[in-house]
């Protein structure tokens, strides 16, 4: 398994190379380093679902635990939401917005 592969047992944290703020109910992410995101000076704004995932990224909860929490809120199955959570987190990991938590 590649270090960028995520599973339900993975734990992610916001990258130290970004700043995230809530502005008018939206999460806005600002890259602080080149190479984060797709191009220089990109801003990212998360959808309501992305915001729900982001707010649960605490460096302690696995992606399965995040999905379980969201399943209760959104009245959907954990399996359905877990697939979406892993996909979303994988995309943010690929862009350098999230990082996998390392042990220690």
C-alpha atoms as a PDB file:
ATOM      1  CA  UNK A   1       0.000   0.000   0.000  1.00  0.00           C
ATOM      2  CA  UNK A   2       1.274   3.432  -0.973  1.00  0.00           C
ATOM      3  CA  UNK A   3       1.702   6.057   1.755  1.00  0.00           C
ATOM      4  CA  UNK A   4      -0.980   8.140   0.075  1.00  0.00           C
ATOM      5  CA  UNK A   5      -3.543   5.302   0.119  1.00  0.00           C
ATOM      6  CA  UNK A   6      -6.263   5.817   2.692  1.00  0.00           C
ATOM      7  CA  UNK A   7      -8.517   3.228   4.328  1.00  0.00           C
ATOM      8  CA  UNK A   8     -11.232   3.458   6.931  1.00  0.00           C
ATOM      9  CA  UNK A   9      -8.545   2.992   9.600  1.00  0.00           C
ATOM     10  CA  UNK A  10      -6.538   6.002   8.369  1.00  0.00           C
ATOM     11  CA  UNK A  11      -6.296   9.144  10.480  1.00  0.00           C
ATOM     12  CA  UNK A  12      -5.676  12.460   8.747  1.00  0.00           C
ATOM     13  CA  UNK A  13      -4.779  15.944   9.929  1.00  0.00           C
ATOM     14  CA  UNK A  14      -4.767  19.338   8.221  1.00  0.00           C
ATOM     15  CA  UNK A  15      -1.455  19.975   6.480  1.00  0.00           C
ATOM     16  CA  UNK A  16       0.889  22.437   8.195  1.00  0.00           C
ATOM     17  CA  UNK A  17       1.156  24.108   4.761  1.00  0.00           C
ATOM     18  CA  UNK A  18      -2.414  25.486   4.808  1.00  0.00           C
ATOM     19  CA  UNK A  19      -4.598  27.832   6.813  1.00  0.00           C
ATOM     20  CA  UNK A  20      -8.305  27.085   7.065  1.00  0.00           C
ATOM     21  CA  UNK A  21     -10.918  29.561   8.260  1.00  0.00           C
ATOM     22  CA  UNK A  22     -14.678  29.655   8.381  1.00  0.00           C
ATOM     23  CA  UNK A  23     -15.972  32.668   6.485  1.00  0.00           C
ATOM     24  CA  UNK A  24     -19.720  33.264   6.153  1.00  0.00           C
ATOM     25  CA  UNK A  25     -20.461  29.636   6.966  1.00  0.00           C
ATOM     26  CA  UNK A  26     -17.959  28.213   4.453  1.00  0.00           C
ATOM     27  CA  UNK A  27     -14.564  26.667   5.108  1.00  0.00           C
ATOM     28  CA  UNK A  28     -11.924  28.478   3.053  1.00  0.00           C
ATOM     29  CA  UNK A  29      -8.487  26.872   2.729  1.00  0.00           C
ATOM     30  CA  UNK A  30      -5.441  28.932   1.797  1.00  0.00           C
ATOM     31  CA  UNK A  31      -2.202  27.167   0.770  1.00  0.00           C
ATOM     32  CA  UNK A  32       0.874  28.680   2.439  1.00  0.00           C
ATOM     33  CA  UNK A  33       3.494  26.848   0.377  1.00  0.00           C
ATOM     34  CA  UNK A  34       3.993  26.305  -3.318  1.00  0.00           C
ATOM     35  CA  UNK A  35       3.119  22.810  -4.422  1.00  0.00           C
ATOM     36  CA  UNK A  36      -0.032  22.696  -2.292  1.00  0.00           C
ATOM     37  CA  UNK A  37      -3.113  22.453  -4.469  1.00  0.00           C
ATOM     38  CA  UNK A  38      -3.079  22.539  -8.242  1.00  0.00           C
ATOM     39  CA  UNK A  39      -1.446  25.910  -8.821  1.00  0.00           C
ATOM     40  CA  UNK A  40       0.008  28.854  -6.953  1.00  0.00           C
ATOM     41  CA  UNK A  41      -2.368  31.106  -5.005  1.00  0.00           C
ATOM     42  CA  UNK A  42      -5.374  28.762  -5.081  1.00  0.00           C
ATOM     43  CA  UNK A  43      -8.115  29.171  -2.517  1.00  0.00           C
ATOM     44  CA  UNK A  44     -10.392  26.258  -1.742  1.00  0.00           C
ATOM     45  CA  UNK A  45     -13.947  26.531  -0.465  1.00  0.00           C
ATOM     46  CA  UNK A  46     -15.600  23.380   0.825  1.00  0.00           C
ATOM     47  CA  UNK A  47     -19.186  22.359   0.179  1.00  0.00           C
ATOM     48  CA  UNK A  48     -21.497  21.676   3.126  1.00  0.00           C
ATOM     49  CA  UNK A  49     -20.566  17.985   3.008  1.00  0.00           C
ATOM     50  CA  UNK A  50     -16.852  18.797   2.747  1.00  0.00           C
ATOM     51  CA  UNK A  51     -17.242  21.147   5.695  1.00  0.00           C
ATOM     52  CA  UNK A  52     -18.897  18.353   7.710  1.00  0.00           C
ATOM     53  CA  UNK A  53     -15.880  16.106   7.039  1.00  0.00           C
ATOM     54  CA  UNK A  54     -13.364  18.906   7.712  1.00  0.00           C
ATOM     55  CA  UNK A  55     -14.927  19.745  11.068  1.00  0.00           C
ATOM     56  CA  UNK A  56     -14.487  16.108  12.144  1.00  0.00           C
ATOM     57  CA  UNK A  57     -10.812  15.859  11.138  1.00  0.00           C
ATOM     58  CA  UNK A  58      -9.288  15.998  14.600  1.00  0.00           C
ATOM     59  CA  UNK A  59      -6.141  13.891  14.265  1.00  0.00           C
ATOM     60  CA  UNK A  60      -7.693  11.216  16.502  1.00  0.00           C
ATOM     61  CA  UNK A  61     -10.733   9.899  14.626  1.00  0.00           C
ATOM     62  CA  UNK A  62     -10.368   7.328  11.864  1.00  0.00           C
ATOM     63  CA  UNK A  63     -12.124   7.937   8.565  1.00  0.00           C
ATOM     64  CA  UNK A  64     -14.598   5.182   9.542  1.00  0.00           C
ATOM     65  CA  UNK A  65     -15.363   7.009  12.800  1.00  0.00           C
ATOM     66  CA  UNK A  66     -15.851  10.252  10.864  1.00  0.00           C
ATOM     67  CA  UNK A  67     -18.219   8.449   8.474  1.00  0.00           C
ATOM     68  CA  UNK A  68     -20.169   6.924  11.393  1.00  0.00           C
ATOM     69  CA  UNK A  69     -20.622  10.353  12.939  1.00  0.00           C
ATOM     70  CA  UNK A  70     -21.819  11.746   9.607  1.00  0.00           C
ATOM     71  CA  UNK A  71     -24.159   8.778   9.010  1.00  0.00           C
ATOM     72  CA  UNK A  72     -26.092   9.714  12.136  1.00  0.00           C
ATOM     73  CA  UNK A  73     -26.324  13.368  11.088  1.00  0.00           C
ATOM     74  CA  UNK A  74     -27.218  12.721   7.444  1.00  0.00           C
ATOM     75  CA  UNK A  75     -29.393   9.617   8.028  1.00  0.00           C
ATOM     76  CA  UNK A  76     -27.409   7.400   5.644  1.00  0.00           C
ATOM     77  CA  UNK A  77     -25.481   4.153   5.943  1.00  0.00           C
ATOM     78  CA  UNK A  78     -21.938   4.214   7.295  1.00  0.00           C
ATOM     79  CA  UNK A  79     -20.723   2.206   4.283  1.00  0.00           C
ATOM     80  CA  UNK A  80     -22.152   4.699   1.799  1.00  0.00           C
ATOM     81  CA  UNK A  81     -20.709   7.695   3.601  1.00  0.00           C
ATOM     82  CA  UNK A  82     -17.381   6.004   4.358  1.00  0.00           C
ATOM     83  CA  UNK A  83     -16.671   5.560   0.647  1.00  0.00           C
ATOM     84  CA  UNK A  84     -17.334   9.262   0.059  1.00  0.00           C
ATOM     85  CA  UNK A  85     -15.273  10.326   3.100  1.00  0.00           C
ATOM     86  CA  UNK A  86     -12.287   8.238   1.982  1.00  0.00           C
ATOM     87  CA  UNK A  87     -12.559   9.630  -1.559  1.00  0.00           C
ATOM     88  CA  UNK A  88     -12.769  13.220  -0.310  1.00  0.00           C
ATOM     89  CA  UNK A  89      -9.882  12.777   2.137  1.00  0.00           C
ATOM     90  CA  UNK A  90      -7.787  11.073  -0.572  1.00  0.00           C
ATOM     91  CA  UNK A  91      -8.293  14.027  -2.907  1.00  0.00           C
ATOM     92  CA  UNK A  92      -7.301  16.523  -0.185  1.00  0.00           C
ATOM     93  CA  UNK A  93      -4.292  14.349   0.658  1.00  0.00           C
ATOM     94  CA  UNK A  94      -3.259  14.315  -3.018  1.00  0.00           C
ATOM     95  CA  UNK A  95      -3.499  18.115  -3.118  1.00  0.00           C
ATOM     96  CA  UNK A  96      -1.418  18.496   0.069  1.00  0.00           C
ATOM     97  CA  UNK A  97      -4.319  19.941   2.085  1.00  0.00           C
ATOM     98  CA  UNK A  98      -4.502  16.933   4.427  1.00  0.00           C
ATOM     99  CA  UNK A  99      -1.688  14.748   5.708  1.00  0.00           C
ATOM    100  CA  UNK A 100      -1.740  11.246   7.166  1.00  0.00           C
ATOM    101  CA  UNK A 101      -1.124  11.237  10.876  1.00  0.00           C
ATOM    102  CA  UNK A 102       2.140   9.565  11.714  1.00  0.00           C
ATOM    103  CA  UNK A 103       2.603   7.558  14.861  1.00  0.00           C
ATOM    104  CA  UNK A 104       4.530   9.108  17.711  1.00  0.00           C
END
